[in-house]
N, C-alpha and C. Protein backbone atom coordinates (compact mmCIF):
# COMPACT_ATOMS: atom_id res chain seq x y z
N MET A 1 0.86 -1.18 0.00
CA MET A 1 0.00 0.00 0.00
C MET A 1 0.90 1.23 0.00
N SER A 2 0.60 2.21 -0.84
CA SER A 2 1.42 3.41 -0.92
C SER A 2 1.18 4.30 0.29
N GLN A 3 2.18 5.14 0.59
CA GLN A 3 2.04 6.04 1.72
C GLN A 3 0.96 7.08 1.47
N ARG A 4 0.71 7.43 0.21
CA ARG A 4 -0.31 8.43 -0.11
C ARG A 4 -1.71 7.88 0.09
N ALA A 5 -1.93 6.61 -0.15
CA ALA A 5 -3.26 6.02 -0.04
C ALA A 5 -3.64 5.76 1.41
N SER A 6 -2.67 5.55 2.30
CA SER A 6 -3.00 5.19 3.68
C SER A 6 -3.79 6.26 4.43
N PRO A 7 -3.53 7.60 4.29
CA PRO A 7 -4.38 8.57 4.98
C PRO A 7 -5.83 8.52 4.49
N ILE A 8 -6.03 8.29 3.20
CA ILE A 8 -7.39 8.23 2.66
C ILE A 8 -8.13 7.04 3.25
N ILE A 9 -7.46 5.91 3.33
CA ILE A 9 -8.09 4.71 3.89
C ILE A 9 -8.40 4.93 5.36
N LEU A 10 -7.48 5.53 6.13
CA LEU A 10 -7.71 5.78 7.55
C LEU A 10 -8.87 6.74 7.78
N ILE A 11 -8.96 7.80 7.00
CA ILE A 11 -10.06 8.75 7.15
C ILE A 11 -11.38 8.09 6.82
N THR A 12 -11.40 7.27 5.77
CA THR A 12 -12.62 6.56 5.39
C THR A 12 -13.07 5.62 6.49
N LEU A 13 -12.14 4.83 7.01
CA LEU A 13 -12.47 3.90 8.09
C LEU A 13 -12.96 4.64 9.34
N ALA A 14 -12.33 5.76 9.66
CA ALA A 14 -12.75 6.54 10.82
C ALA A 14 -14.18 7.04 10.64
N GLY A 15 -14.52 7.49 9.44
CA GLY A 15 -15.89 7.95 9.17
C GLY A 15 -16.90 6.83 9.29
N LEU A 16 -16.56 5.66 8.79
CA LEU A 16 -17.49 4.53 8.87
C LEU A 16 -17.67 4.07 10.31
N VAL A 17 -16.58 4.06 11.09
CA VAL A 17 -16.67 3.68 12.50
C VAL A 17 -17.50 4.71 13.27
N ALA A 18 -17.29 5.99 12.98
CA ALA A 18 -18.04 7.05 13.66
C ALA A 18 -19.53 6.96 13.35
N ALA A 19 -19.87 6.55 12.14
CA ALA A 19 -21.27 6.47 11.75
C ALA A 19 -21.96 5.24 12.32
N GLY A 20 -21.19 4.22 12.71
CA GLY A 20 -21.76 2.96 13.19
C GLY A 20 -22.67 3.09 14.39
N PRO A 21 -22.26 3.75 15.48
CA PRO A 21 -23.08 3.76 16.68
C PRO A 21 -24.25 4.75 16.65
N ILE A 22 -24.43 5.47 15.58
CA ILE A 22 -25.53 6.43 15.52
C ILE A 22 -26.86 5.68 15.52
N ARG A 23 -27.77 6.09 16.38
CA ARG A 23 -29.08 5.47 16.50
C ARG A 23 -30.15 6.52 16.26
N ALA A 24 -31.26 6.10 15.76
CA ALA A 24 -32.38 7.02 15.57
C ALA A 24 -32.89 7.46 16.94
N GLU A 25 -33.23 8.72 17.05
CA GLU A 25 -33.76 9.25 18.30
C GLU A 25 -35.27 9.22 18.25
N ASP A 26 -35.91 9.18 19.44
CA ASP A 26 -37.36 9.19 19.49
C ASP A 26 -37.92 10.45 18.85
N SER A 27 -37.31 11.58 19.15
CA SER A 27 -37.72 12.84 18.51
C SER A 27 -36.46 13.49 17.97
N PRO A 28 -36.34 13.63 16.65
CA PRO A 28 -35.12 14.19 16.08
C PRO A 28 -34.87 15.60 16.59
N ARG A 29 -33.58 15.90 16.77
CA ARG A 29 -33.21 17.23 17.23
C ARG A 29 -33.60 18.26 16.19
N ALA A 30 -34.18 19.32 16.64
CA ALA A 30 -34.54 20.40 15.71
C ALA A 30 -33.27 21.10 15.25
N ARG A 31 -33.22 21.43 13.98
CA ARG A 31 -32.15 22.22 13.41
C ARG A 31 -30.79 21.53 13.50
N ALA A 32 -30.74 20.20 13.43
CA ALA A 32 -29.48 19.47 13.51
C ALA A 32 -28.79 19.45 12.15
N GLY A 33 -27.48 19.56 12.16
CA GLY A 33 -26.70 19.46 10.93
C GLY A 33 -26.31 18.02 10.66
N SER A 34 -25.53 17.82 9.59
CA SER A 34 -25.09 16.47 9.27
C SER A 34 -23.71 16.52 8.61
N PHE A 35 -23.02 15.39 8.66
CA PHE A 35 -21.73 15.24 8.00
C PHE A 35 -21.91 14.36 6.78
N ASN A 36 -21.15 14.64 5.74
CA ASN A 36 -21.18 13.86 4.51
C ASN A 36 -19.74 13.44 4.21
N LEU A 37 -19.50 12.13 4.22
CA LEU A 37 -18.18 11.57 3.94
C LEU A 37 -18.20 10.96 2.55
N GLY A 38 -17.25 11.32 1.70
CA GLY A 38 -17.20 10.80 0.33
C GLY A 38 -15.85 10.23 -0.01
N VAL A 39 -15.85 9.14 -0.80
CA VAL A 39 -14.64 8.51 -1.28
C VAL A 39 -14.83 8.27 -2.76
N GLY A 40 -13.88 8.74 -3.60
CA GLY A 40 -14.08 8.58 -5.03
C GLY A 40 -12.83 8.84 -5.84
N THR A 41 -13.05 9.21 -7.10
CA THR A 41 -11.94 9.42 -8.03
C THR A 41 -12.29 10.54 -9.01
N SER A 42 -11.24 11.20 -9.52
CA SER A 42 -11.45 12.18 -10.57
C SER A 42 -11.60 11.45 -11.90
N MET A 43 -12.28 12.09 -12.85
CA MET A 43 -12.53 11.44 -14.14
C MET A 43 -12.20 12.41 -15.27
N GLY A 44 -11.89 11.85 -16.45
CA GLY A 44 -11.72 12.66 -17.64
C GLY A 44 -10.35 13.27 -17.83
N HIS A 45 -9.39 12.91 -16.99
CA HIS A 45 -8.02 13.42 -17.13
C HIS A 45 -7.06 12.24 -17.20
N SER A 46 -5.95 12.45 -17.88
CA SER A 46 -4.94 11.41 -17.92
C SER A 46 -4.27 11.26 -16.56
N LYS A 47 -4.38 12.29 -15.72
CA LYS A 47 -3.78 12.27 -14.38
C LYS A 47 -4.86 12.11 -13.32
N SER A 48 -5.70 11.09 -13.42
CA SER A 48 -6.76 10.91 -12.43
C SER A 48 -6.16 10.51 -11.09
N SER A 49 -6.89 10.80 -10.02
CA SER A 49 -6.44 10.46 -8.68
C SER A 49 -7.64 10.11 -7.81
N ALA A 50 -7.39 9.37 -6.77
CA ALA A 50 -8.42 9.03 -5.80
C ALA A 50 -8.54 10.18 -4.82
N GLY A 51 -9.63 10.20 -4.06
CA GLY A 51 -9.79 11.27 -3.10
C GLY A 51 -10.78 10.94 -2.02
N VAL A 52 -10.76 11.76 -0.98
CA VAL A 52 -11.69 11.64 0.13
C VAL A 52 -12.13 13.05 0.52
N GLY A 53 -13.38 13.19 0.92
CA GLY A 53 -13.88 14.51 1.30
C GLY A 53 -14.80 14.42 2.51
N LEU A 54 -14.85 15.48 3.27
CA LEU A 54 -15.74 15.58 4.41
C LEU A 54 -16.44 16.93 4.33
N GLU A 55 -17.75 16.90 4.48
CA GLU A 55 -18.55 18.12 4.37
C GLU A 55 -19.48 18.21 5.57
N TYR A 56 -19.64 19.41 6.12
CA TYR A 56 -20.61 19.64 7.18
C TYR A 56 -21.76 20.45 6.60
N ARG A 57 -22.97 19.93 6.74
CA ARG A 57 -24.17 20.59 6.23
C ARG A 57 -24.98 21.10 7.42
N LEU A 58 -25.24 22.40 7.44
CA LEU A 58 -26.07 22.97 8.49
C LEU A 58 -27.52 22.57 8.26
N ASP A 59 -28.38 22.91 9.17
CA ASP A 59 -29.80 22.56 9.06
C ASP A 59 -30.42 23.14 7.79
N SER A 60 -31.34 22.39 7.18
CA SER A 60 -31.95 22.82 5.93
C SER A 60 -32.90 24.00 6.10
N ARG A 61 -33.26 24.33 7.33
CA ARG A 61 -34.13 25.48 7.54
C ARG A 61 -33.34 26.75 7.84
N SER A 62 -32.03 26.73 7.61
CA SER A 62 -31.19 27.88 7.94
C SER A 62 -31.54 29.13 7.16
N TRP A 63 -31.89 28.96 5.89
CA TRP A 63 -32.27 30.12 5.08
C TRP A 63 -33.29 29.66 4.05
N THR A 64 -34.48 30.22 4.07
CA THR A 64 -35.53 29.87 3.13
C THR A 64 -35.84 31.08 2.27
N PRO A 65 -35.44 31.07 0.99
CA PRO A 65 -35.64 32.25 0.15
C PRO A 65 -37.09 32.52 -0.23
N ARG A 66 -37.97 31.51 -0.18
CA ARG A 66 -39.37 31.72 -0.51
C ARG A 66 -40.23 31.38 0.69
N GLU A 67 -41.35 32.05 0.81
CA GLU A 67 -42.27 31.72 1.91
C GLU A 67 -42.85 30.34 1.68
N GLY A 68 -43.20 29.67 2.75
CA GLY A 68 -43.80 28.34 2.65
C GLY A 68 -42.78 27.22 2.75
N GLY A 69 -41.49 27.52 2.74
CA GLY A 69 -40.46 26.51 2.92
C GLY A 69 -40.34 25.50 1.80
N ARG A 70 -40.82 25.81 0.59
CA ARG A 70 -40.73 24.86 -0.51
C ARG A 70 -39.30 24.66 -0.99
N PHE A 71 -38.44 25.61 -0.74
CA PHE A 71 -37.07 25.54 -1.23
C PHE A 71 -36.16 26.16 -0.19
N SER A 72 -35.27 25.37 0.38
CA SER A 72 -34.36 25.87 1.40
C SER A 72 -32.92 25.68 0.95
N LEU A 73 -32.10 26.67 1.19
CA LEU A 73 -30.67 26.55 0.92
C LEU A 73 -29.98 26.13 2.21
N ILE A 74 -29.10 25.14 2.10
CA ILE A 74 -28.39 24.60 3.25
C ILE A 74 -26.93 25.05 3.16
N PRO A 75 -26.46 25.87 4.10
CA PRO A 75 -25.04 26.24 4.08
C PRO A 75 -24.17 25.01 4.34
N VAL A 76 -23.06 24.90 3.60
CA VAL A 76 -22.14 23.77 3.74
C VAL A 76 -20.70 24.26 3.80
N PHE A 77 -19.88 23.49 4.49
CA PHE A 77 -18.44 23.74 4.58
C PHE A 77 -17.76 22.40 4.37
N GLY A 78 -16.76 22.35 3.50
CA GLY A 78 -16.13 21.06 3.23
C GLY A 78 -14.67 21.16 2.91
N ILE A 79 -14.05 19.99 2.92
CA ILE A 79 -12.65 19.87 2.53
C ILE A 79 -12.48 18.52 1.83
N ALA A 80 -11.69 18.52 0.77
CA ALA A 80 -11.41 17.30 0.02
C ALA A 80 -9.91 17.22 -0.21
N ARG A 81 -9.40 16.00 -0.21
CA ARG A 81 -7.98 15.79 -0.44
C ARG A 81 -7.81 14.64 -1.43
N SER A 82 -6.91 14.83 -2.39
CA SER A 82 -6.66 13.79 -3.39
C SER A 82 -5.49 12.92 -2.96
N SER A 83 -5.36 11.78 -3.63
CA SER A 83 -4.24 10.87 -3.33
C SER A 83 -2.90 11.46 -3.77
N LYS A 84 -2.94 12.57 -4.52
CA LYS A 84 -1.72 13.25 -4.96
C LYS A 84 -1.50 14.53 -4.16
N ASP A 85 -2.08 14.59 -2.98
CA ASP A 85 -1.89 15.67 -2.00
C ASP A 85 -2.51 17.02 -2.36
N ALA A 86 -3.41 17.08 -3.33
CA ALA A 86 -4.13 18.33 -3.58
C ALA A 86 -5.21 18.47 -2.51
N VAL A 87 -5.49 19.72 -2.11
CA VAL A 87 -6.50 19.99 -1.08
C VAL A 87 -7.43 21.08 -1.61
N PHE A 88 -8.73 20.90 -1.39
CA PHE A 88 -9.73 21.89 -1.78
C PHE A 88 -10.65 22.12 -0.60
N GLY A 89 -10.63 23.33 -0.04
CA GLY A 89 -11.53 23.72 1.03
C GLY A 89 -12.58 24.65 0.46
N TYR A 90 -13.85 24.49 0.88
CA TYR A 90 -14.91 25.27 0.25
C TYR A 90 -16.05 25.58 1.21
N ALA A 91 -16.86 26.56 0.80
CA ALA A 91 -18.09 26.93 1.51
C ALA A 91 -19.12 27.27 0.44
N GLY A 92 -20.37 26.89 0.70
CA GLY A 92 -21.40 27.16 -0.29
C GLY A 92 -22.77 26.77 0.20
N PHE A 93 -23.65 26.41 -0.75
CA PHE A 93 -25.03 26.06 -0.44
C PHE A 93 -25.44 24.80 -1.18
N ARG A 94 -26.37 24.06 -0.57
CA ARG A 94 -26.99 22.89 -1.20
C ARG A 94 -28.48 23.00 -0.96
N SER A 95 -29.24 22.17 -1.66
CA SER A 95 -30.68 22.12 -1.44
C SER A 95 -31.14 20.68 -1.62
N ASP A 96 -32.00 20.22 -0.73
CA ASP A 96 -32.52 18.86 -0.78
C ASP A 96 -33.86 18.82 -1.49
N PHE A 97 -34.00 17.89 -2.43
CA PHE A 97 -35.27 17.65 -3.12
C PHE A 97 -35.63 16.18 -2.95
N ASN A 98 -36.64 15.91 -2.13
CA ASN A 98 -37.07 14.54 -1.90
C ASN A 98 -37.84 14.04 -3.12
N VAL A 99 -37.33 13.00 -3.76
CA VAL A 99 -37.97 12.40 -4.92
C VAL A 99 -39.05 11.42 -4.45
N THR A 100 -38.72 10.62 -3.44
CA THR A 100 -39.68 9.74 -2.77
C THR A 100 -39.40 9.87 -1.28
N GLN A 101 -40.02 9.00 -0.46
CA GLN A 101 -39.75 9.06 0.97
C GLN A 101 -38.30 8.72 1.29
N LYS A 102 -37.68 7.88 0.49
CA LYS A 102 -36.31 7.45 0.79
C LYS A 102 -35.25 8.08 -0.13
N TRP A 103 -35.62 8.43 -1.37
CA TRP A 103 -34.65 8.94 -2.33
C TRP A 103 -34.64 10.47 -2.37
N ARG A 104 -33.42 11.03 -2.49
CA ARG A 104 -33.25 12.49 -2.47
C ARG A 104 -32.20 12.92 -3.49
N LEU A 105 -32.48 14.02 -4.18
CA LEU A 105 -31.50 14.70 -5.04
C LEU A 105 -31.01 15.94 -4.30
N THR A 106 -29.70 16.17 -4.33
CA THR A 106 -29.14 17.32 -3.63
C THR A 106 -28.14 18.04 -4.53
N PRO A 107 -28.58 19.09 -5.23
CA PRO A 107 -27.61 19.90 -5.99
C PRO A 107 -26.90 20.88 -5.06
N GLY A 108 -25.70 21.30 -5.46
CA GLY A 108 -24.97 22.24 -4.63
C GLY A 108 -24.02 23.11 -5.43
N PHE A 109 -23.64 24.22 -4.83
CA PHE A 109 -22.67 25.13 -5.43
C PHE A 109 -21.82 25.72 -4.31
N ALA A 110 -20.51 25.82 -4.56
CA ALA A 110 -19.60 26.35 -3.54
C ALA A 110 -18.42 27.06 -4.20
N VAL A 111 -17.75 27.88 -3.44
CA VAL A 111 -16.51 28.53 -3.86
C VAL A 111 -15.45 28.14 -2.83
N GLY A 112 -14.21 27.97 -3.30
CA GLY A 112 -13.19 27.54 -2.36
C GLY A 112 -11.78 27.83 -2.83
N ALA A 113 -10.84 27.33 -2.04
CA ALA A 113 -9.41 27.51 -2.31
C ALA A 113 -8.80 26.15 -2.61
N TYR A 114 -8.00 26.11 -3.68
CA TYR A 114 -7.38 24.87 -4.15
C TYR A 114 -5.88 24.96 -4.03
N SER A 115 -5.27 23.95 -3.42
CA SER A 115 -3.82 23.82 -3.35
C SER A 115 -3.44 22.58 -4.13
N ARG A 116 -2.74 22.76 -5.21
CA ARG A 116 -2.49 21.71 -6.20
C ARG A 116 -1.56 20.60 -5.72
N SER A 117 -0.46 20.92 -5.07
CA SER A 117 0.62 19.97 -4.76
C SER A 117 1.01 19.24 -6.04
N GLY A 118 0.90 17.91 -6.11
CA GLY A 118 1.31 17.18 -7.30
C GLY A 118 0.17 16.78 -8.20
N ASP A 119 -1.01 17.35 -8.01
CA ASP A 119 -2.19 16.95 -8.77
C ASP A 119 -2.44 17.90 -9.94
N ILE A 120 -3.61 17.85 -10.52
CA ILE A 120 -3.98 18.60 -11.72
C ILE A 120 -3.89 20.11 -11.49
N ASP A 121 -3.28 20.83 -12.43
CA ASP A 121 -3.22 22.29 -12.39
C ASP A 121 -4.56 22.83 -12.87
N LEU A 122 -5.35 23.37 -11.95
CA LEU A 122 -6.67 23.91 -12.30
C LEU A 122 -6.62 25.39 -12.65
N GLY A 123 -5.44 25.99 -12.71
CA GLY A 123 -5.30 27.36 -13.16
C GLY A 123 -5.00 28.36 -12.07
N GLY A 124 -5.46 28.13 -10.87
CA GLY A 124 -5.23 29.07 -9.78
C GLY A 124 -5.89 28.59 -8.50
N PRO A 125 -5.75 29.37 -7.43
CA PRO A 125 -6.26 28.93 -6.13
C PRO A 125 -7.77 29.08 -5.94
N VAL A 126 -8.42 30.03 -6.61
CA VAL A 126 -9.86 30.22 -6.43
C VAL A 126 -10.60 29.33 -7.43
N GLU A 127 -11.44 28.44 -6.90
CA GLU A 127 -12.17 27.49 -7.74
C GLU A 127 -13.63 27.43 -7.30
N PHE A 128 -14.48 27.01 -8.22
CA PHE A 128 -15.91 26.87 -7.95
C PHE A 128 -16.29 25.40 -8.09
N ARG A 129 -17.19 24.94 -7.25
CA ARG A 129 -17.60 23.53 -7.26
C ARG A 129 -19.11 23.45 -7.44
N SER A 130 -19.56 22.71 -8.45
CA SER A 130 -20.98 22.40 -8.59
C SER A 130 -21.11 20.89 -8.41
N SER A 131 -22.21 20.45 -7.81
CA SER A 131 -22.35 19.04 -7.50
C SER A 131 -23.81 18.60 -7.55
N LEU A 132 -23.98 17.30 -7.68
CA LEU A 132 -25.30 16.69 -7.62
C LEU A 132 -25.16 15.33 -6.95
N ASP A 133 -25.87 15.15 -5.84
CA ASP A 133 -25.88 13.88 -5.12
C ASP A 133 -27.23 13.22 -5.32
N ILE A 134 -27.24 11.90 -5.37
CA ILE A 134 -28.48 11.14 -5.26
C ILE A 134 -28.24 10.16 -4.13
N SER A 135 -29.15 10.17 -3.15
CA SER A 135 -28.94 9.34 -1.97
C SER A 135 -30.24 8.67 -1.53
N ARG A 136 -30.06 7.63 -0.73
CA ARG A 136 -31.19 6.86 -0.21
C ARG A 136 -31.05 6.77 1.30
N ALA A 137 -32.15 6.97 2.00
CA ALA A 137 -32.16 6.85 3.45
C ALA A 137 -32.06 5.37 3.84
N VAL A 138 -31.14 5.07 4.77
CA VAL A 138 -31.05 3.72 5.31
C VAL A 138 -31.51 3.69 6.77
N SER A 139 -31.67 4.86 7.37
CA SER A 139 -32.24 5.02 8.71
C SER A 139 -32.69 6.48 8.83
N ASP A 140 -33.13 6.88 10.01
CA ASP A 140 -33.57 8.26 10.21
C ASP A 140 -32.45 9.27 10.02
N ARG A 141 -31.21 8.89 10.35
CA ARG A 141 -30.10 9.84 10.29
C ARG A 141 -28.99 9.46 9.32
N VAL A 142 -29.10 8.35 8.62
CA VAL A 142 -28.02 7.90 7.74
C VAL A 142 -28.53 7.72 6.32
N ARG A 143 -27.76 8.26 5.36
CA ARG A 143 -28.06 8.12 3.94
C ARG A 143 -26.81 7.63 3.23
N ILE A 144 -26.99 6.88 2.15
CA ILE A 144 -25.87 6.49 1.30
C ILE A 144 -26.21 6.88 -0.13
N GLY A 145 -25.19 7.17 -0.93
CA GLY A 145 -25.48 7.58 -2.30
C GLY A 145 -24.24 7.78 -3.13
N VAL A 146 -24.46 8.45 -4.26
CA VAL A 146 -23.41 8.75 -5.23
C VAL A 146 -23.43 10.25 -5.50
N ALA A 147 -22.25 10.83 -5.62
CA ALA A 147 -22.14 12.27 -5.89
C ALA A 147 -21.27 12.50 -7.11
N LEU A 148 -21.71 13.40 -7.96
CA LEU A 148 -20.94 13.83 -9.12
C LEU A 148 -20.65 15.32 -8.92
N SER A 149 -19.38 15.71 -9.07
CA SER A 149 -19.04 17.13 -8.89
C SER A 149 -18.08 17.60 -9.99
N HIS A 150 -18.09 18.90 -10.19
CA HIS A 150 -17.21 19.55 -11.16
C HIS A 150 -16.56 20.75 -10.48
N ILE A 151 -15.24 20.84 -10.60
CA ILE A 151 -14.51 21.96 -10.02
C ILE A 151 -13.77 22.67 -11.15
N SER A 152 -13.96 23.98 -11.26
CA SER A 152 -13.23 24.78 -12.24
C SER A 152 -13.17 26.22 -11.75
N ASN A 153 -12.41 27.06 -12.46
CA ASN A 153 -12.22 28.44 -12.00
C ASN A 153 -13.09 29.44 -12.76
N ALA A 154 -14.03 28.98 -13.57
CA ALA A 154 -14.95 29.85 -14.30
C ALA A 154 -14.21 30.91 -15.12
N ARG A 155 -13.07 30.52 -15.65
CA ARG A 155 -12.23 31.38 -16.52
C ARG A 155 -11.67 32.61 -15.81
N LEU A 156 -11.43 32.46 -14.51
CA LEU A 156 -10.74 33.53 -13.78
C LEU A 156 -9.27 33.61 -14.20
N TYR A 157 -8.72 32.49 -14.64
CA TYR A 157 -7.32 32.39 -15.01
C TYR A 157 -7.22 31.96 -16.47
N ASP A 158 -6.02 32.08 -17.05
CA ASP A 158 -5.79 31.67 -18.43
C ASP A 158 -6.03 30.18 -18.61
N ARG A 159 -5.66 29.41 -17.62
CA ARG A 159 -5.83 27.95 -17.67
C ARG A 159 -7.09 27.58 -16.89
N ASN A 160 -7.99 26.81 -17.53
CA ASN A 160 -9.24 26.40 -16.89
C ASN A 160 -9.65 24.99 -17.34
N PRO A 161 -8.88 23.96 -16.96
CA PRO A 161 -9.21 22.62 -17.42
C PRO A 161 -10.43 22.01 -16.72
N GLY A 162 -10.66 22.38 -15.49
CA GLY A 162 -11.74 21.78 -14.71
C GLY A 162 -11.46 20.32 -14.41
N VAL A 163 -12.15 19.79 -13.44
CA VAL A 163 -12.01 18.39 -13.07
C VAL A 163 -13.38 17.87 -12.62
N ASN A 164 -13.71 16.66 -13.05
CA ASN A 164 -14.95 16.00 -12.63
C ASN A 164 -14.59 14.88 -11.66
N ALA A 165 -15.46 14.64 -10.70
CA ALA A 165 -15.22 13.59 -9.72
C ALA A 165 -16.50 12.81 -9.46
N LEU A 166 -16.34 11.54 -9.22
CA LEU A 166 -17.44 10.65 -8.86
C LEU A 166 -17.09 10.04 -7.52
N ALA A 167 -18.03 10.09 -6.56
CA ALA A 167 -17.76 9.59 -5.22
C ALA A 167 -18.94 8.83 -4.66
N PHE A 168 -18.65 7.86 -3.83
CA PHE A 168 -19.66 7.21 -3.02
C PHE A 168 -19.72 7.98 -1.71
N VAL A 169 -20.92 8.32 -1.26
CA VAL A 169 -21.06 9.18 -0.09
C VAL A 169 -21.94 8.54 0.98
N GLN A 170 -21.65 8.91 2.22
CA GLN A 170 -22.49 8.53 3.34
C GLN A 170 -22.73 9.78 4.17
N THR A 171 -23.99 10.05 4.43
CA THR A 171 -24.36 11.21 5.24
C THR A 171 -24.86 10.70 6.58
N PHE A 172 -24.36 11.29 7.66
CA PHE A 172 -24.77 10.88 9.01
C PHE A 172 -24.83 12.07 9.94
């Protein structure tokens, strides 16, 4: 096992162990946030790399732009690290759309800072992230799913290759 892959494996295992003892409560806490742990890979580049990410999502009722609560923006803060030591820290918004009682679509948008190290040159430190998750509830507080995201600099710099990533995610 390479030295670069071992931190990703340890973080993933820690997240899965932390999620294990979570039990459904009789009455869910009002305004509770959640963590989203993702493990995946970049796609579409000759220099693809594996990665792990952790995101904290505040309560979905934090800001409701329309009356009636039909659409709520959820503030999020996250960090992702690639197997080639690139780091991306970000802050933004997501929104949950329940497709059925168990299935949910969650689009998101964020802005953040990118430190390349030995990974893909995205053009500069300021990057934007758009994402779409599809997840299924496995209990009252735990969801599993797949996330697709795109990170690019929106042509702030001369170089703007962008990067796409696919990850398996668990929210707890």
